[in-house]
PDB file of N, CA and C in Angstrom:
ATOM      1  N   SER A   1     122.410  49.793  94.581  1.00  0.00           N
ATOM      2  CA  SER A   1     123.577  49.329  95.289  1.00  0.00           C
ATOM      3  C   SER A   1     124.819  50.043  94.749  1.00  0.00           C
ATOM      4  N   ILE A   2     125.857  50.039  95.515  1.00  0.00           N
ATOM      5  CA  ILE A   2     127.102  50.699  95.118  1.00  0.00           C
ATOM      6  C   ILE A   2     127.701  50.019  93.891  1.00  0.00           C
ATOM      7  N   LEU A   3     127.601  48.707  93.813  1.00  0.00           N
ATOM      8  CA  LEU A   3     128.151  47.974  92.671  1.00  0.00           C
ATOM      9  C   LEU A   3     127.494  48.424  91.371  1.00  0.00           C
ATOM     10  N   ILE A   4     126.175  48.484  91.359  1.00  0.00           N
ATOM     11  CA  ILE A   4     125.432  48.869  90.157  1.00  0.00           C
ATOM     12  C   ILE A   4     125.744  50.314  89.785  1.00  0.00           C
ATOM     13  N   GLU A   5     125.746  51.186  90.772  1.00  0.00           N
ATOM     14  CA  GLU A   5     126.024  52.602  90.529  1.00  0.00           C
ATOM     15  C   GLU A   5     127.428  52.800  89.958  1.00  0.00           C
ATOM     16  N   THR A   6     128.395  52.097  90.507  1.00  0.00           N
ATOM     17  CA  THR A   6     129.776  52.201  90.030  1.00  0.00           C
ATOM     18  C   THR A   6     129.890  51.705  88.592  1.00  0.00           C
ATOM     19  N   ALA A   7     129.268  50.584  88.294  1.00  0.00           N
ATOM     20  CA  ALA A   7     129.318  50.041  86.931  1.00  0.00           C
ATOM     21  C   ALA A   7     128.680  51.008  85.941  1.00  0.00           C
ATOM     22  N   ARG A   8     127.568  51.604  86.324  1.00  0.00           N
ATOM     23  CA  ARG A   8     126.866  52.527  85.420  1.00  0.00           C
ATOM     24  C   ARG A   8     127.622  53.834  85.222  1.00  0.00           C
ATOM     25  N   ASN A   9     128.517  54.177  86.116  1.00  0.00           N
ATOM     26  CA  ASN A   9     129.319  55.392  85.972  1.00  0.00           C
ATOM     27  C   ASN A   9     130.516  55.198  85.047  1.00  0.00           C
ATOM     28  N   ASN A  10     130.796  53.972  84.643  1.00  0.00           N
ATOM     29  CA  ASN A  10     131.879  53.695  83.704  1.00  0.00           C
ATOM     30  C   ASN A  10     131.495  54.310  82.357  1.00  0.00           C
ATOM     31  N   PRO A  11     132.376  55.114  81.749  1.00  0.00           N
ATOM     32  CA  PRO A  11     132.029  55.753  80.477  1.00  0.00           C
ATOM     33  C   PRO A  11     131.694  54.772  79.349  1.00  0.00           C
ATOM     34  N   LEU A  12     132.181  53.546  79.431  1.00  0.00           N
ATOM     35  CA  LEU A  12     131.900  52.552  78.389  1.00  0.00           C
ATOM     36  C   LEU A  12     130.594  51.795  78.631  1.00  0.00           C
ATOM     37  N   PHE A  13     129.996  51.978  79.798  1.00  0.00           N
ATOM     38  CA  PHE A  13     128.809  51.208  80.162  1.00  0.00           C
ATOM     39  C   PHE A  13     127.663  51.358  79.156  1.00  0.00           C
ATOM     40  N   PRO A  14     127.286  52.577  78.741  1.00  0.00           N
ATOM     41  CA  PRO A  14     126.138  52.684  77.818  1.00  0.00           C
ATOM     42  C   PRO A  14     126.321  51.904  76.519  1.00  0.00           C
ATOM     43  N   ASN A  15     127.522  51.945  75.959  1.00  0.00           N
ATOM     44  CA  ASN A  15     127.763  51.201  74.710  1.00  0.00           C
ATOM     45  C   ASN A  15     127.718  49.700  74.939  1.00  0.00           C
ATOM     46  N   ARG A  16     128.326  49.245  76.019  1.00  0.00           N
ATOM     47  CA  ARG A  16     128.315  47.809  76.322  1.00  0.00           C
ATOM     48  C   ARG A  16     126.897  47.333  76.606  1.00  0.00           C
ATOM     49  N   ALA A  17     126.153  48.113  77.375  1.00  0.00           N
ATOM     50  CA  ALA A  17     124.775  47.735  77.702  1.00  0.00           C
ATOM     51  C   ALA A  17     123.913  47.719  76.442  1.00  0.00           C
ATOM     52  N   GLY A  18     124.087  48.721  75.594  1.00  0.00           N
ATOM     53  CA  GLY A  18     123.320  48.773  74.346  1.00  0.00           C
ATOM     54  C   GLY A  18     123.593  47.570  73.464  1.00  0.00           C
ATOM     55  N   TYR A  19     124.862  47.211  73.341  1.00  0.00           N
ATOM     56  CA  TYR A  19     125.224  46.041  72.537  1.00  0.00           C
ATOM     57  C   TYR A  19     124.639  44.770  73.147  1.00  0.00           C
ATOM     58  N   ALA A  20     124.769  44.627  74.453  1.00  0.00           N
ATOM     59  CA  ALA A  20     124.240  43.432  75.118  1.00  0.00           C
ATOM     60  C   ALA A  20     122.730  43.343  74.938  1.00  0.00           C
ATOM     61  N   HIS A  21     122.037  44.471  75.092  1.00  0.00           N
ATOM     62  CA  HIS A  21     120.576  44.472  75.002  1.00  0.00           C
ATOM     63  C   HIS A  21     120.078  44.222  73.580  1.00  0.00           C
ATOM     64  N   SER A  22     120.849  44.646  72.584  1.00  0.00           N
ATOM     65  CA  SER A  22     120.379  44.477  71.206  1.00  0.00           C
ATOM     66  C   SER A  22     120.892  43.209  70.528  1.00  0.00           C
ATOM     67  N   GLN A  23     122.065  42.717  70.940  1.00  0.00           N
ATOM     68  CA  GLN A  23     122.672  41.598  70.228  1.00  0.00           C
ATOM     69  C   GLN A  23     122.774  40.298  71.023  1.00  0.00           C
ATOM     70  N   ILE A  24     123.127  40.381  72.276  1.00  0.00           N
ATOM     71  CA  ILE A  24     123.424  39.166  73.044  1.00  0.00           C
ATOM     72  C   ILE A  24     122.201  38.635  73.784  1.00  0.00           C
ATOM     73  N   ILE A  25     121.548  39.486  74.544  1.00  0.00           N
ATOM     74  CA  ILE A  25     120.445  39.025  75.400  1.00  0.00           C
ATOM     75  C   ILE A  25     119.249  38.514  74.589  1.00  0.00           C
ATOM     76  N   PRO A  26     118.855  39.168  73.487  1.00  0.00           N
ATOM     77  CA  PRO A  26     117.723  38.620  72.718  1.00  0.00           C
ATOM     78  C   PRO A  26     117.971  37.197  72.207  1.00  0.00           C
ATOM     79  N   GLN A  27     119.222  36.871  71.903  1.00  0.00           N
ATOM     80  CA  GLN A  27     119.552  35.527  71.432  1.00  0.00           C
ATOM     81  C   GLN A  27     119.630  34.525  72.573  1.00  0.00           C
ATOM     82  N   ASN A  28     119.901  35.020  73.788  1.00  0.00           N
ATOM     83  CA  ASN A  28     120.045  34.147  74.954  1.00  0.00           C
ATOM     84  C   ASN A  28     119.491  34.866  76.185  1.00  0.00           C
ATOM     85  N   PRO A  29     118.160  34.946  76.316  1.00  0.00           N
ATOM     86  CA  PRO A  29     117.560  35.713  77.410  1.00  0.00           C
ATOM     87  C   PRO A  29     117.869  35.171  78.806  1.00  0.00           C
ATOM     88  N   LYS A  30     118.320  33.936  78.897  1.00  0.00           N
ATOM     89  CA  LYS A  30     118.632  33.356  80.210  1.00  0.00           C
ATOM     90  C   LYS A  30     120.137  33.366  80.494  1.00  0.00           C
ATOM     91  N   ILE A  31     120.870  34.225  79.803  1.00  0.00           N
ATOM     92  CA  ILE A  31     122.322  34.295  79.988  1.00  0.00           C
ATOM     93  C   ILE A  31     122.645  34.694  81.430  1.00  0.00           C
ATOM     94  N   THR A  32     123.671  34.094  81.963  1.00  0.00           N
ATOM     95  CA  THR A  32     124.080  34.410  83.334  1.00  0.00           C
ATOM     96  C   THR A  32     125.042  35.596  83.311  1.00  0.00           C
ATOM     97  N   PRO A  33     125.180  36.272  84.441  1.00  0.00           N
ATOM     98  CA  PRO A  33     126.149  37.369  84.501  1.00  0.00           C
ATOM     99  C   PRO A  33     127.565  36.915  84.147  1.00  0.00           C
ATOM    100  N   LYS A  34     127.938  35.729  84.582  1.00  0.00           N
ATOM    101  CA  LYS A  34     129.285  35.219  84.290  1.00  0.00           C
ATOM    102  C   LYS A  34     129.469  34.999  82.786  1.00  0.00           C
ATOM    103  N   GLU A  35     128.462  34.451  82.121  1.00  0.00           N
ATOM    104  CA  GLU A  35     128.543  34.233  80.675  1.00  0.00           C
ATOM    105  C   GLU A  35     128.617  35.564  79.925  1.00  0.00           C
ATOM    106  N   LEU A  36     127.789  36.519  80.334  1.00  0.00           N
ATOM    107  CA  LEU A  36     127.791  37.833  79.693  1.00  0.00           C
ATOM    108  C   LEU A  36     129.133  38.527  79.897  1.00  0.00           C
ATOM    109  N   ALA A  37     129.669  38.423  81.098  1.00  0.00           N
ATOM    110  CA  ALA A  37     130.979  39.015  81.384  1.00  0.00           C
ATOM    111  C   ALA A  37     132.047  38.422  80.468  1.00  0.00           C
ATOM    112  N   GLY A  38     131.995  37.131  80.258  1.00  0.00           N
ATOM    113  CA  GLY A  38     132.956  36.481  79.375  1.00  0.00           C
ATOM    114  C   GLY A  38     132.823  36.928  77.928  1.00  0.00           C
ATOM    115  N   LYS A  39     131.593  37.070  77.451  1.00  0.00           N
ATOM    116  CA  LYS A  39     131.366  37.480  76.065  1.00  0.00           C
ATOM    117  C   LYS A  39     131.825  38.911  75.808  1.00  0.00           C
ATOM    118  N   LEU A  40     131.646  39.786  76.803  1.00  0.00           N
ATOM    119  CA  LEU A  40     131.989  41.198  76.618  1.00  0.00           C
ATOM    120  C   LEU A  40     133.346  41.578  77.205  1.00  0.00           C
ATOM    121  N   SER A  41     134.016  40.635  77.838  1.00  0.00           N
ATOM    122  CA  SER A  41     135.296  40.908  78.516  1.00  0.00           C
ATOM    123  C   SER A  41     135.150  42.040  79.531  1.00  0.00           C
ATOM    124  N   ILE A  42     134.132  41.901  80.384  1.00  0.00           N
ATOM    125  CA  ILE A  42     133.872  42.877  81.441  1.00  0.00           C
ATOM    126  C   ILE A  42     133.802  42.136  82.769  1.00  0.00           C
ATOM    127  N   THR A  43     133.673  42.889  83.850  1.00  0.00           N
ATOM    128  CA  THR A  43     133.553  42.256  85.157  1.00  0.00           C
ATOM    129  C   THR A  43     132.147  41.687  85.337  1.00  0.00           C
ATOM    130  N   VAL A  44     132.026  40.748  86.247  1.00  0.00           N
ATOM    131  CA  VAL A  44     130.716  40.170  86.559  1.00  0.00           C
ATOM    132  C   VAL A  44     129.810  41.255  87.149  1.00  0.00           C
ATOM    133  N   GLY A  45     130.379  42.171  87.913  1.00  0.00           N
ATOM    134  CA  GLY A  45     129.594  43.275  88.475  1.00  0.00           C
ATOM    135  C   GLY A  45     128.973  44.136  87.393  1.00  0.00           C
ATOM    136  N   GLU A  46     129.732  44.431  86.354  1.00  0.00           N
ATOM    137  CA  GLU A  46     129.197  45.227  85.255  1.00  0.00           C
ATOM    138  C   GLU A  46     128.129  44.434  84.500  1.00  0.00           C
ATOM    139  N   ALA A  47     128.344  43.143  84.341  1.00  0.00           N
ATOM    140  CA  ALA A  47     127.342  42.296  83.689  1.00  0.00           C
ATOM    141  C   ALA A  47     126.046  42.273  84.499  1.00  0.00           C
ATOM    142  N   LEU A  48     126.165  42.225  85.819  1.00  0.00           N
ATOM    143  CA  LEU A  48     124.973  42.277  86.675  1.00  0.00           C
ATOM    144  C   LEU A  48     124.209  43.575  86.454  1.00  0.00           C
ATOM    145  N   ALA A  49     124.933  44.683  86.353  1.00  0.00           N
ATOM    146  CA  ALA A  49     124.297  45.982  86.133  1.00  0.00           C
ATOM    147  C   ALA A  49     123.574  46.012  84.790  1.00  0.00           C
ATOM    148  N   ILE A  50     124.169  45.422  83.773  1.00  0.00           N
ATOM    149  CA  ILE A  50     123.537  45.372  82.452  1.00  0.00           C
ATOM    150  C   ILE A  50     122.272  44.525  82.506  1.00  0.00           C
ATOM    151  N   LEU A  51     122.361  43.366  83.125  1.00  0.00           N
ATOM    152  CA  LEU A  51     121.201  42.473  83.191  1.00  0.00           C
ATOM    153  C   LEU A  51     120.101  43.038  84.077  1.00  0.00           C
ATOM    154  N   GLU A  52     120.464  43.772  85.108  1.00  0.00           N
ATOM    155  CA  GLU A  52     119.454  44.354  85.991  1.00  0.00           C
ATOM    156  C   GLU A  52     118.578  45.349  85.238  1.00  0.00           C
ATOM    157  N   GLY A  53     119.157  46.063  84.294  1.00  0.00           N
ATOM    158  CA  GLY A  53     118.414  47.081  83.565  1.00  0.00           C
ATOM    159  C   GLY A  53     117.681  46.565  82.349  1.00  0.00           C
ATOM    160  N   TYR A  54     117.755  45.272  82.076  1.00  0.00           N
ATOM    161  CA  TYR A  54     117.143  44.730  80.864  1.00  0.00           C
ATOM    162  C   TYR A  54     115.740  44.221  81.142  1.00  0.00           C
ATOM    163  N   GLU A  55     114.817  44.631  80.291  1.00  0.00           N
ATOM    164  CA  GLU A  55     113.449  44.115  80.370  1.00  0.00           C
ATOM    165  C   GLU A  55     113.155  43.398  79.063  1.00  0.00           C
ATOM    166  N   ILE A  56     112.587  42.209  79.167  1.00  0.00           N
ATOM    167  CA  ILE A  56     112.244  41.441  77.966  1.00  0.00           C
ATOM    168  C   ILE A  56     111.085  42.150  77.268  1.00  0.00           C
ATOM    169  N   PRO A  57     111.260  42.505  75.992  1.00  0.00           N
ATOM    170  CA  PRO A  57     110.197  43.205  75.275  1.00  0.00           C
ATOM    171  C   PRO A  57     108.947  42.336  75.126  1.00  0.00           C
ATOM    172  N   ALA A  58     107.790  42.966  75.237  1.00  0.00           N
ATOM    173  CA  ALA A  58     106.523  42.250  75.046  1.00  0.00           C
ATOM    174  C   ALA A  58     106.366  41.921  73.569  1.00  0.00           C
ATOM    175  N   LYS A  59     105.802  40.757  73.295  1.00  0.00           N
ATOM    176  CA  LYS A  59     105.609  40.338  71.898  1.00  0.00           C
ATOM    177  C   LYS A  59     104.254  40.761  71.400  1.00  0.00           C
TER     178      LYS A  59
END
């Protein structure tokens, strides 16, 4: 979608996504886009893009 593509083109996206994937999501795998946006001070659209690309690691 255009929203996801636009968010991923933001130069800060890789760092924000990396931080979210390593620090925030493992502690709260059911976090909502709105909650993630609040924690990272980003838009809900960017939070959706981060969550869309996250896969829960197999144990």
